[in-house]
N, C-alpha and C. Protein backbone atom coordinates (compact mmCIF):
# COMPACT_ATOMS: atom_id res chain seq x y z
N UNK A 1 32.29 -3.69 -10.24
CA UNK A 1 30.88 -3.80 -10.73
C UNK A 1 30.16 -2.55 -10.38
N UNK A 2 29.35 -2.06 -11.38
CA UNK A 2 28.66 -0.83 -11.29
C UNK A 2 27.34 -1.10 -10.37
N UNK A 3 27.16 -0.26 -9.36
CA UNK A 3 25.96 -0.44 -8.44
C UNK A 3 24.76 -0.06 -9.23
N UNK A 4 23.70 -0.71 -9.16
CA UNK A 4 22.37 -0.32 -9.66
C UNK A 4 21.85 0.93 -8.99
N UNK A 5 21.29 1.91 -9.73
CA UNK A 5 20.88 3.12 -9.17
C UNK A 5 19.38 3.11 -9.29
N UNK A 6 18.56 3.19 -8.23
CA UNK A 6 17.14 3.08 -8.22
C UNK A 6 16.43 4.43 -8.02
N UNK A 7 15.25 4.59 -8.80
CA UNK A 7 14.39 5.63 -8.52
C UNK A 7 13.00 5.05 -8.35
N UNK A 8 12.40 5.34 -7.15
CA UNK A 8 10.99 4.99 -7.00
C UNK A 8 10.12 6.28 -7.20
N UNK A 9 9.02 5.96 -7.81
CA UNK A 9 8.06 7.10 -8.11
C UNK A 9 6.63 6.78 -7.59
N UNK A 10 5.93 7.84 -7.17
CA UNK A 10 4.63 7.89 -7.05
C UNK A 10 4.09 8.08 -8.41
N UNK A 11 2.92 7.61 -8.75
CA UNK A 11 2.31 7.84 -10.17
C UNK A 11 1.39 8.97 -10.26
N UNK A 12 0.27 8.89 -9.54
CA UNK A 12 -0.68 9.92 -9.69
C UNK A 12 -0.45 11.30 -9.06
N UNK A 13 -0.49 12.20 -9.85
CA UNK A 13 -0.12 13.53 -9.41
C UNK A 13 1.45 13.85 -9.51
N UNK A 14 2.20 12.88 -9.69
CA UNK A 14 3.80 13.06 -9.94
C UNK A 14 4.03 12.93 -11.36
N UNK A 15 3.59 11.70 -11.93
CA UNK A 15 3.86 11.44 -13.40
C UNK A 15 2.58 11.78 -14.27
N UNK A 16 1.40 11.33 -13.66
CA UNK A 16 0.11 11.49 -14.42
C UNK A 16 -0.86 12.49 -13.83
N UNK A 17 -1.43 13.23 -14.65
CA UNK A 17 -2.38 14.22 -14.15
C UNK A 17 -3.69 13.60 -13.93
N UNK A 18 -4.26 13.63 -12.64
CA UNK A 18 -5.45 12.96 -12.28
C UNK A 18 -6.70 13.74 -12.64
N UNK A 19 -6.57 14.95 -13.18
CA UNK A 19 -7.73 15.71 -13.54
C UNK A 19 -8.58 14.98 -14.59
N UNK A 20 -8.08 14.05 -15.33
CA UNK A 20 -8.98 13.37 -16.21
C UNK A 20 -10.04 12.55 -15.49
N UNK A 21 -9.79 11.91 -14.41
CA UNK A 21 -10.69 11.25 -13.55
C UNK A 21 -11.80 12.22 -12.91
N UNK A 22 -11.21 13.26 -12.37
CA UNK A 22 -12.02 14.24 -11.63
C UNK A 22 -12.97 14.97 -12.55
N UNK A 23 -12.40 15.26 -13.79
CA UNK A 23 -13.26 15.90 -14.82
C UNK A 23 -14.46 14.94 -15.19
N UNK A 24 -14.21 13.62 -15.21
CA UNK A 24 -15.13 12.75 -15.65
C UNK A 24 -16.38 12.74 -14.54
N UNK A 25 -15.92 12.86 -13.24
CA UNK A 25 -16.83 12.91 -12.26
C UNK A 25 -17.78 14.17 -12.35
N UNK A 26 -17.11 15.32 -12.64
CA UNK A 26 -17.88 16.55 -12.87
C UNK A 26 -18.79 16.40 -14.05
N UNK A 27 -18.41 15.86 -15.05
CA UNK A 27 -19.21 15.70 -16.34
C UNK A 27 -20.37 14.83 -16.04
N UNK A 28 -20.21 13.72 -15.22
CA UNK A 28 -21.31 12.94 -14.86
C UNK A 28 -22.26 13.62 -13.97
N UNK A 29 -21.77 14.45 -13.12
CA UNK A 29 -22.59 15.17 -12.12
C UNK A 29 -23.62 16.17 -12.83
N UNK A 30 -22.88 16.76 -13.94
CA UNK A 30 -23.85 17.61 -14.80
C UNK A 30 -24.82 16.92 -15.56
N UNK A 31 -24.51 15.70 -15.95
CA UNK A 31 -25.48 14.80 -16.71
C UNK A 31 -26.64 14.48 -15.70
N UNK A 32 -26.25 14.11 -14.43
CA UNK A 32 -27.20 13.53 -13.50
C UNK A 32 -27.99 14.81 -12.91
N UNK A 33 -27.32 16.02 -12.93
CA UNK A 33 -28.16 17.15 -12.40
C UNK A 33 -27.76 17.55 -11.00
N UNK A 34 -26.58 17.36 -10.66
CA UNK A 34 -26.09 17.93 -9.27
C UNK A 34 -24.82 18.69 -9.51
N UNK A 35 -24.43 19.41 -8.52
CA UNK A 35 -23.31 20.35 -8.47
C UNK A 35 -22.04 19.61 -8.94
N UNK A 36 -21.51 19.96 -10.15
CA UNK A 36 -20.35 19.26 -10.49
C UNK A 36 -19.07 19.54 -9.68
N UNK A 37 -18.94 20.68 -9.16
CA UNK A 37 -17.70 20.96 -8.35
C UNK A 37 -17.76 20.28 -7.07
N UNK A 38 -18.91 20.26 -6.46
CA UNK A 38 -19.31 19.63 -5.25
C UNK A 38 -19.03 18.04 -5.30
N UNK A 39 -19.44 17.61 -6.44
CA UNK A 39 -19.39 16.07 -6.64
C UNK A 39 -17.79 15.85 -6.79
N UNK A 40 -17.11 16.58 -7.56
CA UNK A 40 -15.70 16.35 -7.65
C UNK A 40 -14.91 16.46 -6.28
N UNK A 41 -15.27 17.49 -5.49
CA UNK A 41 -14.53 17.57 -4.17
C UNK A 41 -14.92 16.50 -3.40
N UNK A 42 -16.18 15.93 -3.35
CA UNK A 42 -16.56 14.85 -2.40
C UNK A 42 -15.84 13.53 -2.94
N UNK A 43 -15.79 13.33 -4.26
CA UNK A 43 -15.10 12.19 -4.75
C UNK A 43 -13.58 12.10 -4.33
N UNK A 44 -12.89 13.23 -4.41
CA UNK A 44 -11.51 13.34 -4.00
C UNK A 44 -11.39 13.16 -2.62
N UNK A 45 -12.19 13.82 -1.70
CA UNK A 45 -12.21 13.56 -0.30
C UNK A 45 -12.34 12.14 0.09
N UNK A 46 -13.26 11.44 -0.53
CA UNK A 46 -13.37 9.99 -0.21
C UNK A 46 -12.23 9.14 -0.62
N UNK A 47 -11.76 9.43 -1.77
CA UNK A 47 -10.58 8.69 -2.34
C UNK A 47 -9.38 8.92 -1.37
N UNK A 48 -9.13 10.12 -0.88
CA UNK A 48 -8.10 10.38 -0.06
C UNK A 48 -8.08 10.00 1.39
N UNK A 49 -9.33 9.52 1.82
CA UNK A 49 -9.65 9.17 3.30
C UNK A 49 -9.09 7.75 3.37
N UNK A 50 -8.07 7.61 4.26
CA UNK A 50 -7.45 6.21 4.42
C UNK A 50 -8.33 5.23 5.10
N UNK A 51 -9.29 5.84 5.88
CA UNK A 51 -10.30 4.99 6.56
C UNK A 51 -11.08 4.19 5.63
N UNK A 52 -11.09 4.63 4.36
CA UNK A 52 -11.97 3.90 3.36
C UNK A 52 -11.26 2.66 2.60
N UNK A 53 -9.93 2.52 3.05
CA UNK A 53 -9.22 1.30 2.46
C UNK A 53 -8.74 0.41 3.66
N UNK A 54 -9.34 0.48 4.72
CA UNK A 54 -8.98 -0.53 5.91
C UNK A 54 -10.27 -1.23 6.18
N UNK A 55 -10.47 -2.49 6.14
CA UNK A 55 -9.47 -3.39 5.61
C UNK A 55 -9.17 -3.24 4.19
N UNK A 56 -8.05 -3.79 3.59
CA UNK A 56 -7.69 -3.54 2.29
C UNK A 56 -8.75 -3.96 1.22
N UNK A 57 -8.90 -3.08 0.18
CA UNK A 57 -9.72 -3.57 -0.95
C UNK A 57 -9.07 -2.96 -2.13
N UNK A 58 -9.23 -3.62 -3.28
CA UNK A 58 -8.57 -3.10 -4.58
C UNK A 58 -9.15 -1.82 -5.02
N UNK A 59 -8.35 -1.16 -5.78
CA UNK A 59 -8.68 0.23 -6.20
C UNK A 59 -9.98 0.36 -6.90
N UNK A 60 -10.33 -0.65 -7.79
CA UNK A 60 -11.51 -0.68 -8.49
C UNK A 60 -12.76 -0.67 -7.57
N UNK A 61 -12.59 -1.48 -6.55
CA UNK A 61 -13.76 -1.54 -5.47
C UNK A 61 -13.86 -0.17 -4.80
N UNK A 62 -12.68 0.45 -4.44
CA UNK A 62 -12.52 1.60 -3.78
C UNK A 62 -13.35 2.68 -4.58
N UNK A 63 -13.02 2.68 -6.00
CA UNK A 63 -13.75 3.58 -6.86
C UNK A 63 -15.26 3.33 -6.85
N UNK A 64 -15.78 2.12 -6.86
CA UNK A 64 -17.14 1.85 -6.93
C UNK A 64 -17.79 2.30 -5.68
N UNK A 65 -17.07 2.00 -4.54
CA UNK A 65 -17.60 2.51 -3.27
C UNK A 65 -17.67 3.98 -3.26
N UNK A 66 -16.81 4.70 -3.78
CA UNK A 66 -16.82 6.19 -3.85
C UNK A 66 -18.06 6.63 -4.64
N UNK A 67 -18.29 6.03 -5.75
CA UNK A 67 -19.63 6.37 -6.41
C UNK A 67 -20.86 5.98 -5.69
N UNK A 68 -20.85 4.93 -5.03
CA UNK A 68 -22.05 4.59 -4.19
C UNK A 68 -22.18 5.67 -3.12
N UNK A 69 -21.10 6.13 -2.49
CA UNK A 69 -21.01 7.21 -1.56
C UNK A 69 -21.65 8.50 -2.02
N UNK A 70 -21.27 8.75 -3.26
CA UNK A 70 -21.69 10.01 -3.90
C UNK A 70 -23.11 10.03 -4.06
N UNK A 71 -23.66 8.86 -4.61
CA UNK A 71 -25.14 8.70 -4.60
C UNK A 71 -25.74 9.01 -3.22
N UNK A 72 -25.25 8.40 -2.18
CA UNK A 72 -25.80 8.62 -0.88
C UNK A 72 -25.76 10.04 -0.52
N UNK A 73 -24.80 10.72 -0.73
CA UNK A 73 -24.54 12.17 -0.28
C UNK A 73 -25.50 12.96 -1.01
N UNK A 74 -25.85 12.78 -2.26
CA UNK A 74 -26.72 13.48 -3.03
C UNK A 74 -28.09 13.10 -2.90
N UNK A 75 -28.37 12.00 -2.19
CA UNK A 75 -29.67 11.40 -2.06
C UNK A 75 -30.17 10.82 -3.27
N UNK A 76 -29.26 10.06 -4.03
CA UNK A 76 -29.53 9.40 -5.29
C UNK A 76 -29.46 7.93 -5.07
N UNK A 77 -30.04 7.15 -6.05
CA UNK A 77 -29.91 5.68 -6.08
C UNK A 77 -29.29 5.19 -7.44
N UNK A 78 -28.14 4.63 -7.43
CA UNK A 78 -27.38 4.05 -8.53
C UNK A 78 -27.29 5.03 -9.71
N UNK A 79 -27.18 6.34 -9.48
CA UNK A 79 -26.97 7.27 -10.53
C UNK A 79 -25.43 7.42 -10.91
N UNK A 80 -24.61 7.72 -9.82
CA UNK A 80 -23.23 7.69 -10.10
C UNK A 80 -22.64 6.39 -10.32
N UNK A 81 -23.20 5.46 -9.45
CA UNK A 81 -22.56 4.03 -9.51
C UNK A 81 -22.79 3.35 -10.88
N UNK A 82 -23.75 3.64 -11.63
CA UNK A 82 -24.03 3.04 -12.91
C UNK A 82 -22.87 3.51 -13.97
N UNK A 83 -22.20 4.57 -13.66
CA UNK A 83 -21.06 5.00 -14.53
C UNK A 83 -19.67 4.52 -14.16
N UNK A 84 -19.75 3.56 -13.19
CA UNK A 84 -18.49 2.96 -12.74
C UNK A 84 -17.52 2.60 -13.90
N UNK A 85 -18.01 1.89 -14.85
CA UNK A 85 -17.07 1.52 -16.03
C UNK A 85 -16.43 2.83 -16.64
N UNK A 86 -17.27 3.81 -16.87
CA UNK A 86 -16.81 5.17 -17.56
C UNK A 86 -15.65 5.76 -16.68
N UNK A 87 -15.92 5.73 -15.30
CA UNK A 87 -14.89 6.38 -14.44
C UNK A 87 -13.53 5.46 -14.39
N UNK A 88 -13.58 4.22 -14.45
CA UNK A 88 -12.43 3.37 -14.56
C UNK A 88 -11.68 3.56 -15.79
N UNK A 89 -12.41 3.76 -16.92
CA UNK A 89 -11.81 4.02 -18.24
C UNK A 89 -11.13 5.39 -18.25
N UNK A 90 -11.72 6.43 -17.63
CA UNK A 90 -11.11 7.70 -17.49
C UNK A 90 -9.81 7.67 -16.77
N UNK A 91 -9.87 6.79 -15.66
CA UNK A 91 -8.56 6.64 -14.89
C UNK A 91 -7.56 5.95 -15.61
N UNK A 92 -7.92 5.01 -16.47
CA UNK A 92 -6.92 4.27 -17.33
C UNK A 92 -6.37 5.19 -18.29
N UNK A 93 -7.02 6.27 -18.66
CA UNK A 93 -6.65 7.09 -19.81
C UNK A 93 -6.01 8.39 -19.40
N UNK A 94 -5.53 8.42 -18.16
CA UNK A 94 -4.76 9.60 -17.60
C UNK A 94 -3.60 10.06 -18.44
N UNK A 95 -3.23 11.26 -18.63
CA UNK A 95 -2.06 11.80 -19.42
C UNK A 95 -0.96 12.13 -18.51
N UNK A 96 0.26 12.04 -19.03
CA UNK A 96 1.45 12.54 -18.39
C UNK A 96 1.50 14.20 -18.34
N UNK A 97 1.93 14.73 -17.22
CA UNK A 97 2.27 16.04 -17.23
C UNK A 97 3.18 16.43 -18.37
N UNK A 98 3.23 17.68 -18.90
CA UNK A 98 3.97 18.06 -20.06
C UNK A 98 5.41 17.65 -20.12
N UNK A 99 6.10 17.83 -18.96
CA UNK A 99 7.56 17.54 -18.92
C UNK A 99 7.95 16.17 -18.54
N UNK A 100 6.94 15.28 -18.32
CA UNK A 100 7.27 13.91 -17.72
C UNK A 100 8.04 13.11 -18.65
N UNK A 101 7.47 12.87 -19.99
CA UNK A 101 8.13 11.91 -20.80
C UNK A 101 9.64 12.31 -21.15
N UNK A 102 9.95 13.44 -21.36
CA UNK A 102 11.29 13.86 -21.70
C UNK A 102 12.20 13.59 -20.43
N UNK A 103 11.57 13.88 -19.28
CA UNK A 103 12.43 13.77 -18.02
C UNK A 103 12.64 12.22 -17.74
N UNK A 104 11.72 11.30 -18.03
CA UNK A 104 11.80 9.86 -17.80
C UNK A 104 12.82 9.36 -18.74
N UNK A 105 12.85 9.78 -19.99
CA UNK A 105 13.80 9.34 -20.91
C UNK A 105 15.18 9.73 -20.66
N UNK A 106 15.38 10.85 -20.10
CA UNK A 106 16.64 11.35 -19.77
C UNK A 106 17.10 10.57 -18.42
N UNK A 107 16.25 10.26 -17.55
CA UNK A 107 16.66 9.37 -16.34
C UNK A 107 17.00 7.94 -16.84
N UNK A 108 16.30 7.41 -17.82
CA UNK A 108 16.67 6.16 -18.26
C UNK A 108 17.88 6.16 -19.02
N UNK A 109 18.27 7.16 -19.75
CA UNK A 109 19.53 7.28 -20.43
C UNK A 109 20.69 7.34 -19.42
N UNK A 110 20.41 7.86 -18.20
CA UNK A 110 21.43 7.90 -17.32
C UNK A 110 21.59 6.61 -16.40
N UNK A 111 20.78 5.62 -16.85
CA UNK A 111 21.02 4.19 -16.31
C UNK A 111 20.17 3.95 -15.00
N UNK A 112 19.30 4.72 -14.71
CA UNK A 112 18.49 4.47 -13.47
C UNK A 112 17.50 3.43 -13.68
N UNK A 113 17.25 2.57 -12.69
CA UNK A 113 16.24 1.56 -12.66
C UNK A 113 14.99 2.12 -12.07
N UNK A 114 13.96 2.32 -12.96
CA UNK A 114 12.68 3.01 -12.58
C UNK A 114 11.70 2.07 -12.03
N UNK A 115 11.08 2.43 -10.82
CA UNK A 115 10.13 1.70 -10.06
C UNK A 115 8.92 2.57 -9.76
N UNK A 116 7.75 2.12 -10.07
CA UNK A 116 6.51 2.79 -9.78
C UNK A 116 5.86 2.12 -8.67
N UNK A 117 5.56 3.00 -7.58
CA UNK A 117 4.75 2.59 -6.38
C UNK A 117 3.49 3.33 -6.43
N UNK A 118 2.37 2.67 -6.53
CA UNK A 118 1.06 3.37 -6.71
C UNK A 118 -0.06 2.80 -5.95
N UNK A 119 -0.90 3.63 -5.41
CA UNK A 119 -2.08 3.26 -4.77
C UNK A 119 -3.11 2.86 -5.95
N UNK A 120 -2.87 1.80 -6.66
CA UNK A 120 -3.73 1.41 -7.79
C UNK A 120 -3.81 -0.17 -7.79
N UNK A 121 -4.32 -0.68 -8.97
CA UNK A 121 -4.43 -2.14 -9.05
C UNK A 121 -4.16 -2.50 -10.43
N UNK A 122 -4.05 -3.88 -10.75
CA UNK A 122 -3.61 -4.26 -11.96
C UNK A 122 -4.64 -4.17 -13.21
N UNK A 123 -5.81 -3.89 -12.84
CA UNK A 123 -6.81 -3.60 -13.87
C UNK A 123 -6.71 -2.26 -14.33
N UNK A 124 -5.92 -1.39 -13.75
CA UNK A 124 -5.79 0.05 -14.14
C UNK A 124 -4.32 0.52 -14.53
N UNK A 125 -3.36 0.01 -13.57
CA UNK A 125 -1.97 0.64 -13.64
C UNK A 125 -1.26 0.29 -14.95
N UNK A 126 -1.38 -0.90 -15.64
CA UNK A 126 -0.66 -1.12 -16.85
C UNK A 126 -1.02 -0.09 -17.85
N UNK A 127 -2.24 0.31 -17.97
CA UNK A 127 -2.66 1.32 -19.00
C UNK A 127 -1.92 2.63 -18.62
N UNK A 128 -1.83 3.02 -17.41
CA UNK A 128 -1.26 4.26 -16.93
C UNK A 128 0.32 4.19 -17.37
N UNK A 129 0.91 3.13 -17.01
CA UNK A 129 2.36 2.96 -17.25
C UNK A 129 2.77 2.87 -18.70
N UNK A 130 1.87 2.47 -19.52
CA UNK A 130 2.11 2.35 -21.00
C UNK A 130 2.24 3.76 -21.57
N UNK A 131 1.53 4.77 -21.04
CA UNK A 131 1.56 6.16 -21.46
C UNK A 131 2.93 6.78 -21.27
N UNK A 132 3.78 6.14 -20.40
CA UNK A 132 5.01 6.83 -19.89
C UNK A 132 6.16 6.50 -20.92
N UNK A 133 6.02 5.52 -21.70
CA UNK A 133 6.99 5.17 -22.76
C UNK A 133 8.40 4.71 -22.34
N UNK A 134 8.63 4.40 -21.09
CA UNK A 134 9.94 3.79 -20.71
C UNK A 134 9.60 2.68 -19.70
N UNK A 135 10.44 1.74 -19.66
CA UNK A 135 10.17 0.54 -18.74
C UNK A 135 10.18 0.95 -17.21
N UNK A 136 9.15 0.40 -16.66
CA UNK A 136 9.09 0.56 -15.11
C UNK A 136 8.79 -0.73 -14.52
N UNK A 137 9.34 -0.99 -13.30
CA UNK A 137 8.83 -2.14 -12.47
C UNK A 137 7.60 -1.41 -11.80
N UNK A 138 6.52 -2.24 -11.76
CA UNK A 138 5.33 -1.67 -11.23
C UNK A 138 4.98 -2.38 -9.87
N UNK A 139 4.62 -1.54 -8.81
CA UNK A 139 4.22 -2.10 -7.63
C UNK A 139 2.90 -1.44 -7.24
N UNK A 140 1.69 -1.99 -7.48
CA UNK A 140 0.38 -1.43 -7.11
C UNK A 140 0.14 -1.81 -5.62
N UNK A 141 -0.73 -1.08 -5.06
CA UNK A 141 -1.25 -1.48 -3.68
C UNK A 141 -1.63 -2.94 -3.75
N UNK A 142 -2.23 -3.42 -4.73
CA UNK A 142 -2.83 -4.70 -4.78
C UNK A 142 -1.76 -5.79 -4.54
N UNK A 143 -0.50 -5.58 -4.79
CA UNK A 143 0.57 -6.56 -4.67
C UNK A 143 0.95 -6.74 -3.19
N UNK A 144 0.82 -5.59 -2.35
CA UNK A 144 1.15 -5.72 -0.98
C UNK A 144 0.05 -5.61 -0.02
N UNK A 145 -1.18 -5.39 -0.54
CA UNK A 145 -2.46 -5.27 0.15
C UNK A 145 -2.29 -4.15 1.19
N UNK A 146 -1.78 -3.08 0.73
CA UNK A 146 -1.64 -1.91 1.67
C UNK A 146 -1.54 -0.72 0.71
N UNK A 147 -2.18 0.38 1.21
CA UNK A 147 -2.09 1.65 0.47
C UNK A 147 -1.06 2.52 1.20
N UNK A 148 -0.29 3.29 0.47
CA UNK A 148 0.51 4.36 1.00
C UNK A 148 -0.48 5.29 1.72
N UNK A 149 -0.07 5.76 2.82
CA UNK A 149 1.26 5.74 3.49
C UNK A 149 1.50 4.63 4.40
N UNK A 150 0.88 3.53 4.29
CA UNK A 150 1.27 2.30 5.17
C UNK A 150 2.66 1.95 4.93
N UNK A 151 3.46 1.90 6.10
CA UNK A 151 4.89 1.79 5.98
C UNK A 151 5.28 0.36 5.42
N UNK A 152 4.33 -0.62 5.50
CA UNK A 152 4.58 -1.85 4.98
C UNK A 152 4.74 -1.89 3.38
N UNK A 153 4.13 -0.95 2.79
CA UNK A 153 4.29 -0.81 1.28
C UNK A 153 5.75 -0.54 0.91
N UNK A 154 6.17 0.64 1.57
CA UNK A 154 7.62 1.08 1.34
C UNK A 154 8.61 0.07 1.75
N UNK A 155 8.42 -0.66 2.93
CA UNK A 155 9.35 -1.49 3.47
C UNK A 155 9.51 -2.73 2.51
N UNK A 156 8.33 -3.15 1.98
CA UNK A 156 8.30 -4.38 1.06
C UNK A 156 9.23 -4.08 -0.09
N UNK A 157 9.03 -2.91 -0.75
CA UNK A 157 9.87 -2.48 -1.91
C UNK A 157 11.28 -2.31 -1.57
N UNK A 158 11.59 -1.70 -0.44
CA UNK A 158 12.88 -1.54 -0.03
C UNK A 158 13.66 -2.83 0.18
N UNK A 159 12.94 -3.74 0.88
CA UNK A 159 13.55 -5.11 1.03
C UNK A 159 13.73 -5.85 -0.24
N UNK A 160 12.88 -5.77 -1.21
CA UNK A 160 12.97 -6.50 -2.47
C UNK A 160 14.15 -6.02 -3.21
N UNK A 161 14.44 -4.78 -3.26
CA UNK A 161 15.60 -4.25 -4.08
C UNK A 161 16.82 -3.91 -3.26
N UNK A 162 16.75 -4.02 -2.03
CA UNK A 162 17.88 -3.59 -1.13
C UNK A 162 18.20 -2.06 -1.23
N UNK A 163 17.11 -1.35 -1.26
CA UNK A 163 17.18 0.18 -1.29
C UNK A 163 18.01 0.73 -0.16
N UNK A 164 18.98 1.71 -0.41
CA UNK A 164 19.61 2.34 0.62
C UNK A 164 19.69 3.75 0.28
N UNK A 165 20.15 4.61 1.18
CA UNK A 165 20.33 5.96 0.92
C UNK A 165 21.40 6.33 -0.10
N UNK A 166 22.23 5.39 -0.39
CA UNK A 166 23.23 5.54 -1.45
C UNK A 166 22.89 5.19 -2.83
N UNK A 167 21.95 4.18 -2.94
CA UNK A 167 21.61 3.72 -4.21
C UNK A 167 20.12 4.07 -4.60
N UNK A 168 19.50 5.04 -3.94
CA UNK A 168 18.16 5.25 -4.27
C UNK A 168 17.55 6.71 -3.90
N UNK A 169 16.67 7.12 -4.64
CA UNK A 169 15.90 8.43 -4.41
C UNK A 169 14.38 7.99 -4.56
N UNK A 170 13.49 8.55 -3.81
CA UNK A 170 12.11 8.47 -3.91
C UNK A 170 11.60 9.80 -4.42
N UNK A 171 10.78 9.77 -5.40
CA UNK A 171 10.27 11.01 -6.11
C UNK A 171 8.70 10.95 -6.10
N UNK A 172 8.06 11.94 -5.41
CA UNK A 172 6.65 11.99 -5.27
C UNK A 172 5.94 13.31 -5.04
N UNK A 173 4.71 13.45 -5.43
CA UNK A 173 3.98 14.55 -5.17
C UNK A 173 3.29 14.49 -3.78
N UNK A 174 2.90 13.32 -3.32
CA UNK A 174 2.19 13.31 -2.07
C UNK A 174 3.03 13.53 -0.84
N UNK A 175 2.72 14.61 -0.13
CA UNK A 175 3.51 14.93 1.12
C UNK A 175 3.21 13.90 2.19
N UNK A 176 1.84 13.77 2.46
CA UNK A 176 1.49 12.84 3.49
C UNK A 176 1.83 11.37 3.20
N UNK A 177 1.41 10.95 1.93
CA UNK A 177 1.45 9.62 1.63
C UNK A 177 2.83 9.19 1.21
N UNK A 178 3.81 10.02 0.87
CA UNK A 178 5.04 9.58 0.51
C UNK A 178 6.28 10.28 1.25
N UNK A 179 6.18 11.60 1.29
CA UNK A 179 7.43 12.32 1.93
C UNK A 179 7.41 12.11 3.46
N UNK A 180 6.26 12.35 4.10
CA UNK A 180 6.14 12.06 5.53
C UNK A 180 6.21 10.56 5.86
N UNK A 181 5.67 9.70 5.03
CA UNK A 181 5.58 8.33 5.29
C UNK A 181 6.92 7.69 5.17
N UNK A 182 7.83 8.12 4.39
CA UNK A 182 9.13 7.62 4.22
C UNK A 182 10.17 8.23 5.09
N UNK A 183 9.77 9.18 5.71
CA UNK A 183 10.79 9.78 6.77
C UNK A 183 11.46 8.85 7.76
N UNK A 184 10.62 7.92 8.34
CA UNK A 184 11.15 6.94 9.32
C UNK A 184 12.20 6.01 8.78
N UNK A 185 12.15 5.82 7.28
CA UNK A 185 12.99 4.99 6.63
C UNK A 185 14.32 5.57 6.27
N UNK A 186 14.35 6.99 6.43
CA UNK A 186 15.48 7.71 6.03
C UNK A 186 15.78 7.80 4.56
N UNK A 187 14.64 7.61 3.65
CA UNK A 187 14.79 7.69 2.28
C UNK A 187 15.16 8.98 1.74
N UNK A 188 16.16 9.25 0.94
CA UNK A 188 16.32 10.49 0.20
C UNK A 188 15.12 10.73 -0.67
N UNK A 189 14.49 11.92 -0.62
CA UNK A 189 13.28 12.25 -1.38
C UNK A 189 13.30 13.48 -2.15
N UNK A 190 12.68 13.51 -3.17
CA UNK A 190 12.41 14.73 -3.95
C UNK A 190 10.79 14.97 -4.08
N UNK A 191 10.42 16.05 -3.48
CA UNK A 191 9.01 16.28 -3.45
C UNK A 191 8.59 17.13 -4.67
N UNK A 192 7.78 16.62 -5.50
CA UNK A 192 7.28 17.33 -6.65
C UNK A 192 6.02 18.01 -6.22
N UNK A 193 6.16 19.24 -5.68
CA UNK A 193 5.15 20.02 -5.00
C UNK A 193 4.50 20.92 -6.14
N UNK A 194 3.74 20.31 -7.06
CA UNK A 194 3.21 21.07 -8.16
C UNK A 194 2.17 22.19 -7.62
N UNK A 195 1.50 21.91 -6.56
CA UNK A 195 0.59 22.99 -6.00
C UNK A 195 1.12 24.03 -5.18
N UNK A 196 2.38 23.79 -4.82
CA UNK A 196 2.97 24.84 -3.85
C UNK A 196 2.35 24.73 -2.35
N UNK A 197 1.99 23.57 -1.97
CA UNK A 197 1.38 23.46 -0.63
C UNK A 197 2.48 23.54 0.40
N UNK A 198 2.13 23.78 1.63
CA UNK A 198 3.08 23.94 2.81
C UNK A 198 3.01 22.59 3.58
N UNK A 199 4.24 22.22 3.98
CA UNK A 199 4.22 20.88 4.74
C UNK A 199 3.43 21.03 6.03
N UNK A 200 2.78 19.91 6.33
CA UNK A 200 1.91 19.80 7.47
C UNK A 200 2.54 19.21 8.65
N UNK A 201 3.87 18.84 8.64
CA UNK A 201 4.53 18.21 9.69
C UNK A 201 5.93 18.59 9.67
N UNK A 202 6.78 18.18 10.60
CA UNK A 202 8.13 18.58 10.63
C UNK A 202 9.05 17.89 9.45
N UNK A 203 8.60 16.77 8.97
CA UNK A 203 9.37 16.04 8.03
C UNK A 203 9.53 17.02 6.71
N UNK A 204 10.74 16.98 6.21
CA UNK A 204 11.07 17.66 4.95
C UNK A 204 11.76 16.78 3.99
N UNK A 205 11.30 17.06 2.71
CA UNK A 205 12.20 16.27 1.60
C UNK A 205 13.61 16.68 1.64
N UNK A 206 14.37 15.83 0.86
CA UNK A 206 15.76 16.19 0.64
C UNK A 206 15.87 17.46 -0.30
N UNK A 207 14.94 17.47 -1.27
CA UNK A 207 14.81 18.51 -2.24
C UNK A 207 13.38 18.65 -2.48
N UNK A 208 13.02 19.98 -3.02
CA UNK A 208 11.68 20.18 -3.42
C UNK A 208 11.66 20.75 -4.84
N UNK A 209 10.80 20.40 -5.75
CA UNK A 209 10.62 21.02 -7.08
C UNK A 209 9.26 21.22 -7.37
N UNK A 210 8.92 22.00 -8.39
CA UNK A 210 7.49 22.20 -8.74
C UNK A 210 7.22 21.51 -10.04
N UNK A 211 8.17 20.97 -10.82
CA UNK A 211 7.75 20.07 -11.88
C UNK A 211 8.99 19.01 -12.01
N UNK A 212 8.60 17.92 -12.73
CA UNK A 212 9.55 16.71 -12.56
C UNK A 212 10.86 17.03 -13.31
N UNK A 213 10.98 17.80 -14.29
CA UNK A 213 12.20 18.00 -15.02
C UNK A 213 13.29 18.67 -14.11
N UNK A 214 12.84 19.39 -13.00
CA UNK A 214 13.93 20.02 -12.13
C UNK A 214 14.57 19.01 -11.26
N UNK A 215 14.19 17.70 -11.31
CA UNK A 215 14.93 16.74 -10.53
C UNK A 215 16.31 16.53 -11.14
N UNK A 216 16.49 16.68 -12.55
CA UNK A 216 17.67 16.28 -13.19
C UNK A 216 18.89 17.09 -12.66
N UNK A 217 18.76 18.16 -11.92
CA UNK A 217 19.98 18.87 -11.41
C UNK A 217 20.53 18.12 -10.30
N UNK A 218 19.84 17.14 -9.74
CA UNK A 218 20.41 16.28 -8.70
C UNK A 218 20.65 14.91 -9.10
N UNK A 219 20.18 14.35 -10.13
CA UNK A 219 20.30 12.94 -10.58
C UNK A 219 21.06 12.88 -11.81
């Protein structure tokens, strides 16, 4: 009997380009009359701060809180927050990086079972997954009530599929949220280091690439 081969993926930054969301924030800032680059930076910083998701809340609420926080930081009232629907629509409409679709189709043809693990929620992630044009099992943070890098997220998925170092690879752009976080589990990992960042801890991926298509040399 042939053993199932699993690939788990981070979504944002690995498969889909998040610039669409951040560009929307900059566009709104220009409309509102504040510094668009500063608004973009503050939005990203709030989104990436794990303190803002404890206790757990769904990604749509995290986004709304982020916009409220932007209003507060710029001394505004309900200016960014009023565009909450537009920001969610921008996030639903994110596009794959140029090499992603062909790579995923190649991996599908090789017989891999594809799994998406994303700090997202069900009112957003189906739209994102649909752009990828191949079947995925989808695990958003909403299902486990935890955001990566919480080890419970990874352990829940590992237990569900029986993931081992022999039947599975994890592929992700996030060093802290994915590569460092899965080190205690001993997961084989491929770091899609699109920005060329330097590791901030001792944990190292099994392999490192700059674009997703480069993973095909090992898979």
